[in-house]
Amino acid sequence: MLVRPLDDGATQAFATIAFEGDGPTWMFHQPQGELPTGQNRLMLDLGGEADWSEQADRVEALGAERISDNEQDGVRWVVFHDPEGNTFRIFAPRPE
C-alpha cells in the first residue's frame, strides 16, 4: 500500500519502514491477546535515539504517566499514558 519495502528482519509479527534522511521509522506489529477498544485502538510507538532514556524522562516530566519499563529479546521500551489516557511507547534503538 505504501509502495515502500519493509526493512530487513521483518516477520509476520513485526516490521519497520525507515524513510530516507531524518524522517521517521514506522513500526508495525501484530497485537497479541485481547484487542484494545475505544481511544487506544492505535498506539504511537516512538523510536528513540541513543538518548532514548532521557527522552522518556522528559515526557514524564512534561506530564506523561510512566506505566512500565520493558525488555524482550534485547529490545527495550517504556510505556506511557499521556494526560488524556492515550497509550504511547518510546523504544531504545534496536540492537544490531
PDB file of N, CA and C in Angstrom:
ATOM      1  N   MET A   1       0.815  -1.173   0.000  1.00  0.00           N
ATOM      2  CA  MET A   1       0.000   0.000   0.000  1.00  0.00           C
ATOM      3  C   MET A   1       0.871   1.253   0.000  1.00  0.00           C
ATOM      4  N   LEU A   2       1.965   1.270   0.764  1.00  0.00           N
ATOM      5  CA  LEU A   2       2.817   2.452   0.844  1.00  0.00           C
ATOM      6  C   LEU A   2       3.872   2.494  -0.252  1.00  0.00           C
ATOM      7  N   VAL A   3       3.972   1.437  -1.032  1.00  0.00           N
ATOM      8  CA  VAL A   3       4.957   1.308  -2.103  1.00  0.00           C
ATOM      9  C   VAL A   3       6.370   1.551  -1.556  1.00  0.00           C
ATOM     10  N   ARG A   4       6.619   1.054  -0.381  1.00  0.00           N
ATOM     11  CA  ARG A   4       7.938   1.124   0.243  1.00  0.00           C
ATOM     12  C   ARG A   4       8.265  -0.271   0.763  1.00  0.00           C
ATOM     13  N   PRO A   5       9.507  -0.693   0.605  1.00  0.00           N
ATOM     14  CA  PRO A   5       9.865  -2.021   1.109  1.00  0.00           C
ATOM     15  C   PRO A   5       9.975  -2.027   2.630  1.00  0.00           C
ATOM     16  N   LEU A   6       9.702  -3.183   3.205  1.00  0.00           N
ATOM     17  CA  LEU A   6       9.920  -3.374   4.639  1.00  0.00           C
ATOM     18  C   LEU A   6      11.417  -3.470   4.901  1.00  0.00           C
ATOM     19  N   ASP A   7      11.850  -3.012   6.052  1.00  0.00           N
ATOM     20  CA  ASP A   7      13.257  -3.126   6.428  1.00  0.00           C
ATOM     21  C   ASP A   7      13.625  -4.591   6.622  1.00  0.00           C
ATOM     22  N   ASP A   8      14.923  -4.882   6.523  1.00  0.00           N
ATOM     23  CA  ASP A   8      15.415  -6.233   6.777  1.00  0.00           C
ATOM     24  C   ASP A   8      15.008  -6.680   8.175  1.00  0.00           C
ATOM     25  N   GLY A   9      14.723  -7.957   8.326  1.00  0.00           N
ATOM     26  CA  GLY A   9      14.352  -8.505   9.625  1.00  0.00           C
ATOM     27  C   GLY A   9      12.858  -8.545   9.879  1.00  0.00           C
ATOM     28  N   ALA A  10      12.039  -8.134   8.905  1.00  0.00           N
ATOM     29  CA  ALA A  10      10.585  -8.147   9.092  1.00  0.00           C
ATOM     30  C   ALA A  10      10.093  -9.580   9.279  1.00  0.00           C
ATOM     31  N   THR A  11       9.090  -9.734  10.147  1.00  0.00           N
ATOM     32  CA  THR A  11       8.465 -11.035  10.381  1.00  0.00           C
ATOM     33  C   THR A  11       6.957 -10.874  10.227  1.00  0.00           C
ATOM     34  N   GLN A  12       6.216 -11.947  10.421  1.00  0.00           N
ATOM     35  CA  GLN A  12       4.756 -11.875  10.396  1.00  0.00           C
ATOM     36  C   GLN A  12       4.219 -11.030  11.544  1.00  0.00           C
ATOM     37  N   ALA A  13       4.991 -10.912  12.639  1.00  0.00           N
ATOM     38  CA  ALA A  13       4.515 -10.207  13.825  1.00  0.00           C
ATOM     39  C   ALA A  13       5.054  -8.785  13.955  1.00  0.00           C
ATOM     40  N   PHE A  14       6.158  -8.430  13.246  1.00  0.00           N
ATOM     41  CA  PHE A  14       6.778  -7.125  13.443  1.00  0.00           C
ATOM     42  C   PHE A  14       7.492  -6.689  12.170  1.00  0.00           C
ATOM     43  N   ALA A  15       7.369  -5.409  11.835  1.00  0.00           N
ATOM     44  CA  ALA A  15       8.083  -4.853  10.684  1.00  0.00           C
ATOM     45  C   ALA A  15       8.299  -3.364  10.892  1.00  0.00           C
ATOM     46  N   THR A  16       9.341  -2.838  10.240  1.00  0.00           N
ATOM     47  CA  THR A  16       9.569  -1.395  10.237  1.00  0.00           C
ATOM     48  C   THR A  16       9.748  -0.932   8.804  1.00  0.00           C
ATOM     49  N   ILE A  17       9.467   0.353   8.590  1.00  0.00           N
ATOM     50  CA  ILE A  17       9.719   1.011   7.310  1.00  0.00           C
ATOM     51  C   ILE A  17      10.465   2.295   7.635  1.00  0.00           C
ATOM     52  N   ALA A  18      11.741   2.366   7.253  1.00  0.00           N
ATOM     53  CA  ALA A  18      12.538   3.567   7.515  1.00  0.00           C
ATOM     54  C   ALA A  18      12.486   4.467   6.287  1.00  0.00           C
ATOM     55  N   PHE A  19      12.421   5.752   6.526  1.00  0.00           N
ATOM     56  CA  PHE A  19      12.420   6.728   5.450  1.00  0.00           C
ATOM     57  C   PHE A  19      13.814   7.320   5.320  1.00  0.00           C
ATOM     58  N   GLU A  20      14.155   7.786   4.125  1.00  0.00           N
ATOM     59  CA  GLU A  20      15.469   8.374   3.881  1.00  0.00           C
ATOM     60  C   GLU A  20      15.656   9.641   4.706  1.00  0.00           C
ATOM     61  N   GLY A  21      16.894   9.958   5.036  1.00  0.00           N
ATOM     62  CA  GLY A  21      17.188  11.197   5.741  1.00  0.00           C
ATOM     63  C   GLY A  21      16.772  11.146   7.196  1.00  0.00           C
ATOM     64  N   ASP A  22      16.247  12.259   7.672  1.00  0.00           N
ATOM     65  CA  ASP A  22      15.882  12.375   9.077  1.00  0.00           C
ATOM     66  C   ASP A  22      14.426  12.046   9.343  1.00  0.00           C
ATOM     67  N   GLY A  23      13.764  11.414   8.401  1.00  0.00           N
ATOM     68  CA  GLY A  23      12.352  11.089   8.575  1.00  0.00           C
ATOM     69  C   GLY A  23      12.147  10.013   9.621  1.00  0.00           C
ATOM     70  N   PRO A  24      10.896   9.753   9.963  1.00  0.00           N
ATOM     71  CA  PRO A  24      10.584   8.768  10.999  1.00  0.00           C
ATOM     72  C   PRO A  24      10.743   7.343  10.496  1.00  0.00           C
ATOM     73  N   THR A  25      10.813   6.417  11.426  1.00  0.00           N
ATOM     74  CA  THR A  25      10.707   4.999  11.113  1.00  0.00           C
ATOM     75  C   THR A  25       9.335   4.547  11.571  1.00  0.00           C
ATOM     76  N   TRP A  26       8.574   3.943  10.680  1.00  0.00           N
ATOM     77  CA  TRP A  26       7.252   3.433  11.034  1.00  0.00           C
ATOM     78  C   TRP A  26       7.406   2.000  11.503  1.00  0.00           C
ATOM     79  N   MET A  27       6.779   1.677  12.635  1.00  0.00           N
ATOM     80  CA  MET A  27       6.839   0.337  13.201  1.00  0.00           C
ATOM     81  C   MET A  27       5.436  -0.258  13.212  1.00  0.00           C
ATOM     82  N   PHE A  28       5.338  -1.509  12.800  1.00  0.00           N
ATOM     83  CA  PHE A  28       4.056  -2.208  12.787  1.00  0.00           C
ATOM     84  C   PHE A  28       4.236  -3.531  13.508  1.00  0.00           C
ATOM     85  N   HIS A  29       3.253  -3.907  14.305  1.00  0.00           N
ATOM     86  CA  HIS A  29       3.329  -5.223  14.931  1.00  0.00           C
ATOM     87  C   HIS A  29       1.931  -5.794  15.078  1.00  0.00           C
ATOM     88  N   GLN A  30       1.875  -7.109  15.115  1.00  0.00           N
ATOM     89  CA  GLN A  30       0.623  -7.831  15.286  1.00  0.00           C
ATOM     90  C   GLN A  30       0.308  -7.880  16.768  1.00  0.00           C
ATOM     91  N   PRO A  31      -0.808  -7.286  17.209  1.00  0.00           N
ATOM     92  CA  PRO A  31      -1.131  -7.323  18.635  1.00  0.00           C
ATOM     93  C   PRO A  31      -1.372  -8.748  19.118  1.00  0.00           C
ATOM     94  N   GLN A  32      -1.037  -8.976  20.380  1.00  0.00           N
ATOM     95  CA  GLN A  32      -1.272 -10.274  20.998  1.00  0.00           C
ATOM     96  C   GLN A  32      -2.326 -10.113  22.076  1.00  0.00           C
ATOM     97  N   GLY A  33      -3.116 -11.123  22.270  1.00  0.00           N
ATOM     98  CA  GLY A  33      -4.148 -11.069  23.303  1.00  0.00           C
ATOM     99  C   GLY A  33      -5.362 -10.288  22.831  1.00  0.00           C
ATOM    100  N   GLU A  34      -6.080  -9.752  23.797  1.00  0.00           N
ATOM    101  CA  GLU A  34      -7.320  -9.030  23.509  1.00  0.00           C
ATOM    102  C   GLU A  34      -7.019  -7.701  22.821  1.00  0.00           C
ATOM    103  N   LEU A  35      -7.732  -7.415  21.740  1.00  0.00           N
ATOM    104  CA  LEU A  35      -7.523  -6.171  21.013  1.00  0.00           C
ATOM    105  C   LEU A  35      -8.101  -4.999  21.785  1.00  0.00           C
ATOM    106  N   PRO A  36      -7.402  -3.861  21.782  1.00  0.00           N
ATOM    107  CA  PRO A  36      -7.918  -2.696  22.505  1.00  0.00           C
ATOM    108  C   PRO A  36      -9.164  -2.134  21.839  1.00  0.00           C
ATOM    109  N   THR A  37      -9.984  -1.485  22.629  1.00  0.00           N
ATOM    110  CA  THR A  37     -11.171  -0.807  22.112  1.00  0.00           C
ATOM    111  C   THR A  37     -11.113   0.646  22.560  1.00  0.00           C
ATOM    112  N   GLY A  38     -11.975   1.458  22.008  1.00  0.00           N
ATOM    113  CA  GLY A  38     -12.046   2.854  22.434  1.00  0.00           C
ATOM    114  C   GLY A  38     -10.876   3.666  21.943  1.00  0.00           C
ATOM    115  N   GLN A  39     -10.416   4.585  22.791  1.00  0.00           N
ATOM    116  CA  GLN A  39      -9.426   5.558  22.359  1.00  0.00           C
ATOM    117  C   GLN A  39      -8.040   4.975  22.114  1.00  0.00           C
ATOM    118  N   ASN A  40      -7.723   3.787  22.595  1.00  0.00           N
ATOM    119  CA  ASN A  40      -6.381   3.231  22.429  1.00  0.00           C
ATOM    120  C   ASN A  40      -6.289   2.158  21.353  1.00  0.00           C
ATOM    121  N   ARG A  41      -7.120   2.250  20.337  1.00  0.00           N
ATOM    122  CA  ARG A  41      -7.034   1.269  19.255  1.00  0.00           C
ATOM    123  C   ARG A  41      -5.766   1.457  18.441  1.00  0.00           C
ATOM    124  N   LEU A  42      -5.217   2.651  18.445  1.00  0.00           N
ATOM    125  CA  LEU A  42      -3.969   2.946  17.753  1.00  0.00           C
ATOM    126  C   LEU A  42      -2.971   3.442  18.790  1.00  0.00           C
ATOM    127  N   MET A  43      -1.797   2.834  18.816  1.00  0.00           N
ATOM    128  CA  MET A  43      -0.781   3.238  19.785  1.00  0.00           C
ATOM    129  C   MET A  43       0.402   3.823  19.032  1.00  0.00           C
ATOM    130  N   LEU A  44       0.883   4.954  19.480  1.00  0.00           N
ATOM    131  CA  LEU A  44       2.033   5.600  18.879  1.00  0.00           C
ATOM    132  C   LEU A  44       3.300   5.011  19.481  1.00  0.00           C
ATOM    133  N   ASP A  45       4.173   4.478  18.621  1.00  0.00           N
ATOM    134  CA  ASP A  45       5.478   3.969  19.036  1.00  0.00           C
ATOM    135  C   ASP A  45       6.531   4.940  18.536  1.00  0.00           C
ATOM    136  N   LEU A  46       7.316   5.483  19.433  1.00  0.00           N
ATOM    137  CA  LEU A  46       8.354   6.444  19.083  1.00  0.00           C
ATOM    138  C   LEU A  46       9.709   5.776  19.223  1.00  0.00           C
ATOM    139  N   GLY A  47      10.500   5.808  18.158  1.00  0.00           N
ATOM    140  CA  GLY A  47      11.837   5.238  18.185  1.00  0.00           C
ATOM    141  C   GLY A  47      12.826   6.260  18.693  1.00  0.00           C
ATOM    142  N   GLY A  48      13.393   6.004  19.849  1.00  0.00           N
ATOM    143  CA  GLY A  48      14.351   6.929  20.433  1.00  0.00           C
ATOM    144  C   GLY A  48      15.738   6.740  19.856  1.00  0.00           C
ATOM    145  N   GLU A  49      16.537   7.758  20.004  1.00  0.00           N
ATOM    146  CA  GLU A  49      17.938   7.697  19.607  1.00  0.00           C
ATOM    147  C   GLU A  49      18.744   7.173  20.792  1.00  0.00           C
ATOM    148  N   ALA A  50      20.041   7.397  20.777  1.00  0.00           N
ATOM    149  CA  ALA A  50      20.893   6.915  21.864  1.00  0.00           C
ATOM    150  C   ALA A  50      20.452   7.477  23.213  1.00  0.00           C
ATOM    151  N   ASP A  51      19.827   8.668  23.198  1.00  0.00           N
ATOM    152  CA  ASP A  51      19.369   9.293  24.445  1.00  0.00           C
ATOM    153  C   ASP A  51      17.913   8.962  24.750  1.00  0.00           C
ATOM    154  N   TRP A  52      17.446   7.804  24.319  1.00  0.00           N
ATOM    155  CA  TRP A  52      16.032   7.443  24.460  1.00  0.00           C
ATOM    156  C   TRP A  52      15.570   7.467  25.914  1.00  0.00           C
ATOM    157  N   SER A  53      16.443   7.088  26.837  1.00  0.00           N
ATOM    158  CA  SER A  53      16.072   7.086  28.249  1.00  0.00           C
ATOM    159  C   SER A  53      15.839   8.514  28.746  1.00  0.00           C
ATOM    160  N   GLU A  54      16.661   9.450  28.289  1.00  0.00           N
ATOM    161  CA  GLU A  54      16.462  10.860  28.633  1.00  0.00           C
ATOM    162  C   GLU A  54      15.161  11.383  28.023  1.00  0.00           C
ATOM    163  N   GLN A  55      14.854  10.932  26.796  1.00  0.00           N
ATOM    164  CA  GLN A  55      13.590  11.329  26.167  1.00  0.00           C
ATOM    165  C   GLN A  55      12.412  10.828  26.995  1.00  0.00           C
ATOM    166  N   ALA A  56      12.518   9.598  27.493  1.00  0.00           N
ATOM    167  CA  ALA A  56      11.447   9.039  28.323  1.00  0.00           C
ATOM    168  C   ALA A  56      11.289   9.849  29.607  1.00  0.00           C
ATOM    169  N   ASP A  57      12.403  10.204  30.230  1.00  0.00           N
ATOM    170  CA  ASP A  57      12.336  11.030  31.444  1.00  0.00           C
ATOM    171  C   ASP A  57      11.711  12.388  31.140  1.00  0.00           C
ATOM    172  N   ARG A  58      12.015  12.942  29.970  1.00  0.00           N
ATOM    173  CA  ARG A  58      11.488  14.260  29.603  1.00  0.00           C
ATOM    174  C   ARG A  58       9.971  14.227  29.442  1.00  0.00           C
ATOM    175  N   VAL A  59       9.432  13.219  28.735  1.00  0.00           N
ATOM    176  CA  VAL A  59       7.978  13.185  28.559  1.00  0.00           C
ATOM    177  C   VAL A  59       7.276  12.939  29.892  1.00  0.00           C
ATOM    178  N   GLU A  60       7.926  12.205  30.785  1.00  0.00           N
ATOM    179  CA  GLU A  60       7.355  12.018  32.120  1.00  0.00           C
ATOM    180  C   GLU A  60       7.324  13.353  32.871  1.00  0.00           C
ATOM    181  N   ALA A  61       8.401  14.134  32.766  1.00  0.00           N
ATOM    182  CA  ALA A  61       8.443  15.447  33.414  1.00  0.00           C
ATOM    183  C   ALA A  61       7.412  16.403  32.819  1.00  0.00           C
ATOM    184  N   LEU A  62       7.046  16.182  31.550  1.00  0.00           N
ATOM    185  CA  LEU A  62       6.055  17.028  30.886  1.00  0.00           C
ATOM    186  C   LEU A  62       4.619  16.602  31.182  1.00  0.00           C
ATOM    187  N   GLY A  63       4.435  15.510  31.960  1.00  0.00           N
ATOM    188  CA  GLY A  63       3.086  15.147  32.372  1.00  0.00           C
ATOM    189  C   GLY A  63       2.613  13.766  31.980  1.00  0.00           C
ATOM    190  N   ALA A  64       3.420  13.010  31.225  1.00  0.00           N
ATOM    191  CA  ALA A  64       3.027  11.642  30.890  1.00  0.00           C
ATOM    192  C   ALA A  64       3.211  10.744  32.115  1.00  0.00           C
ATOM    193  N   GLU A  65       2.375   9.722  32.226  1.00  0.00           N
ATOM    194  CA  GLU A  65       2.482   8.750  33.316  1.00  0.00           C
ATOM    195  C   GLU A  65       3.251   7.530  32.825  1.00  0.00           C
ATOM    196  N   ARG A  66       4.364   7.213  33.480  1.00  0.00           N
ATOM    197  CA  ARG A  66       5.162   6.037  33.119  1.00  0.00           C
ATOM    198  C   ARG A  66       4.428   4.805  33.637  1.00  0.00           C
ATOM    199  N   ILE A  67       4.052   3.916  32.733  1.00  0.00           N
ATOM    200  CA  ILE A  67       3.301   2.714  33.089  1.00  0.00           C
ATOM    201  C   ILE A  67       4.234   1.542  33.350  1.00  0.00           C
ATOM    202  N   SER A  68       5.211   1.328  32.461  1.00  0.00           N
ATOM    203  CA  SER A  68       6.121   0.200  32.658  1.00  0.00           C
ATOM    204  C   SER A  68       7.389   0.380  31.840  1.00  0.00           C
ATOM    205  N   ASP A  69       8.478  -0.190  32.355  1.00  0.00           N
ATOM    206  CA  ASP A  69       9.741  -0.308  31.631  1.00  0.00           C
ATOM    207  C   ASP A  69       9.844  -1.767  31.205  1.00  0.00           C
ATOM    208  N   ASN A  70      10.198  -2.001  29.933  1.00  0.00           N
ATOM    209  CA  ASN A  70      10.128  -3.352  29.387  1.00  0.00           C
ATOM    210  C   ASN A  70      11.391  -3.710  28.625  1.00  0.00           C
ATOM    211  N   GLU A  71      11.669  -5.019  28.574  1.00  0.00           N
ATOM    212  CA  GLU A  71      12.731  -5.552  27.734  1.00  0.00           C
ATOM    213  C   GLU A  71      12.323  -6.948  27.301  1.00  0.00           C
ATOM    214  N   GLN A  72      12.448  -7.199  25.998  1.00  0.00           N
ATOM    215  CA  GLN A  72      12.136  -8.522  25.460  1.00  0.00           C
ATOM    216  C   GLN A  72      13.056  -8.776  24.282  1.00  0.00           C
ATOM    217  N   ASP A  73      13.773  -9.878  24.317  1.00  0.00           N
ATOM    218  CA  ASP A  73      14.686 -10.261  23.238  1.00  0.00           C
ATOM    219  C   ASP A  73      15.659  -9.139  22.893  1.00  0.00           C
ATOM    220  N   GLY A  74      16.141  -8.428  23.904  1.00  0.00           N
ATOM    221  CA  GLY A  74      17.106  -7.362  23.695  1.00  0.00           C
ATOM    222  C   GLY A  74      16.514  -6.020  23.302  1.00  0.00           C
ATOM    223  N   VAL A  75      15.212  -5.969  23.070  1.00  0.00           N
ATOM    224  CA  VAL A  75      14.536  -4.717  22.716  1.00  0.00           C
ATOM    225  C   VAL A  75      14.004  -4.089  24.000  1.00  0.00           C
ATOM    226  N   ARG A  76      14.301  -2.798  24.202  1.00  0.00           N
ATOM    227  CA  ARG A  76      13.867  -2.099  25.416  1.00  0.00           C
ATOM    228  C   ARG A  76      12.915  -0.969  25.047  1.00  0.00           C
ATOM    229  N   TRP A  77      11.879  -0.752  25.887  1.00  0.00           N
ATOM    230  CA  TRP A  77      10.933   0.324  25.668  1.00  0.00           C
ATOM    231  C   TRP A  77      10.230   0.684  26.966  1.00  0.00           C
ATOM    232  N   VAL A  78       9.619   1.876  26.961  1.00  0.00           N
ATOM    233  CA  VAL A  78       8.850   2.362  28.102  1.00  0.00           C
ATOM    234  C   VAL A  78       7.444   2.671  27.613  1.00  0.00           C
ATOM    235  N   VAL A  79       6.441   2.236  28.377  1.00  0.00           N
ATOM    236  CA  VAL A  79       5.037   2.506  28.051  1.00  0.00           C
ATOM    237  C   VAL A  79       4.570   3.692  28.887  1.00  0.00           C
ATOM    238  N   PHE A  80       3.857   4.616  28.236  1.00  0.00           N
ATOM    239  CA  PHE A  80       3.331   5.807  28.895  1.00  0.00           C
ATOM    240  C   PHE A  80       1.854   5.980  28.590  1.00  0.00           C
ATOM    241  N   HIS A  81       1.175   6.746  29.434  1.00  0.00           N
ATOM    242  CA  HIS A  81      -0.140   7.316  29.133  1.00  0.00           C
ATOM    243  C   HIS A  81       0.039   8.820  29.110  1.00  0.00           C
ATOM    244  N   ASP A  82      -0.511   9.473  28.081  1.00  0.00           N
ATOM    245  CA  ASP A  82      -0.486  10.933  28.085  1.00  0.00           C
ATOM    246  C   ASP A  82      -1.550  11.432  29.064  1.00  0.00           C
ATOM    247  N   PRO A  83      -1.632  12.739  29.316  1.00  0.00           N
ATOM    248  CA  PRO A  83      -2.602  13.236  30.299  1.00  0.00           C
ATOM    249  C   PRO A  83      -4.060  12.886  29.995  1.00  0.00           C
ATOM    250  N   GLU A  84      -4.369  12.548  28.734  1.00  0.00           N
ATOM    251  CA  GLU A  84      -5.738  12.159  28.375  1.00  0.00           C
ATOM    252  C   GLU A  84      -5.934  10.651  28.401  1.00  0.00           C
ATOM    253  N   GLY A  85      -4.906   9.898  28.803  1.00  0.00           N
ATOM    254  CA  GLY A  85      -5.029   8.451  28.918  1.00  0.00           C
ATOM    255  C   GLY A  85      -4.645   7.670  27.680  1.00  0.00           C
ATOM    256  N   ASN A  86      -4.172   8.343  26.624  1.00  0.00           N
ATOM    257  CA  ASN A  86      -3.739   7.646  25.414  1.00  0.00           C
ATOM    258  C   ASN A  86      -2.387   6.984  25.656  1.00  0.00           C
ATOM    259  N   THR A  87      -2.245   5.755  25.175  1.00  0.00           N
ATOM    260  CA  THR A  87      -1.018   4.996  25.376  1.00  0.00           C
ATOM    261  C   THR A  87      -0.027   5.281  24.261  1.00  0.00           C
ATOM    262  N   PHE A  88       1.251   5.434  24.632  1.00  0.00           N
ATOM    263  CA  PHE A  88       2.325   5.506  23.643  1.00  0.00           C
ATOM    264  C   PHE A  88       3.573   4.890  24.252  1.00  0.00           C
ATOM    265  N   ARG A  89       4.529   4.549  23.384  1.00  0.00           N
ATOM    266  CA  ARG A  89       5.756   3.901  23.844  1.00  0.00           C
ATOM    267  C   ARG A  89       6.969   4.602  23.242  1.00  0.00           C
ATOM    268  N   ILE A  90       8.054   4.624  23.987  1.00  0.00           N
ATOM    269  CA  ILE A  90       9.337   5.095  23.482  1.00  0.00           C
ATOM    270  C   ILE A  90      10.292   3.907  23.514  1.00  0.00           C
ATOM    271  N   PHE A  91      10.881   3.602  22.349  1.00  0.00           N
ATOM    272  CA  PHE A  91      11.772   2.460  22.201  1.00  0.00           C
ATOM    273  C   PHE A  91      13.228   2.895  22.177  1.00  0.00           C
ATOM    274  N   ALA A  92      14.086   2.072  22.757  1.00  0.00           N
ATOM    275  CA  ALA A  92      15.530   2.238  22.595  1.00  0.00           C
ATOM    276  C   ALA A  92      15.871   1.855  21.157  1.00  0.00           C
ATOM    277  N   PRO A  93      17.020   2.299  20.655  1.00  0.00           N
ATOM    278  CA  PRO A  93      17.432   1.828  19.327  1.00  0.00           C
ATOM    279  C   PRO A  93      17.471   0.300  19.308  1.00  0.00           C
ATOM    280  N   ARG A  94      17.060  -0.282  18.191  1.00  0.00           N
ATOM    281  CA  ARG A  94      17.053  -1.745  18.076  1.00  0.00           C
ATOM    282  C   ARG A  94      18.477  -2.278  18.097  1.00  0.00           C
ATOM    283  N   PRO A  95      18.701  -3.389  18.788  1.00  0.00           N
ATOM    284  CA  PRO A  95      20.051  -3.968  18.813  1.00  0.00           C
ATOM    285  C   PRO A  95      20.462  -4.425  17.420  1.00  0.00           C
ATOM    286  N   GLU A  96      21.740  -4.340  17.166  1.00  0.00           N
ATOM    287  CA  GLU A  96      22.280  -4.749  15.853  1.00  0.00           C
ATOM    288  C   GLU A  96      22.231  -6.243  15.691  1.00  0.00           C
TER     289      GLU A  96
END
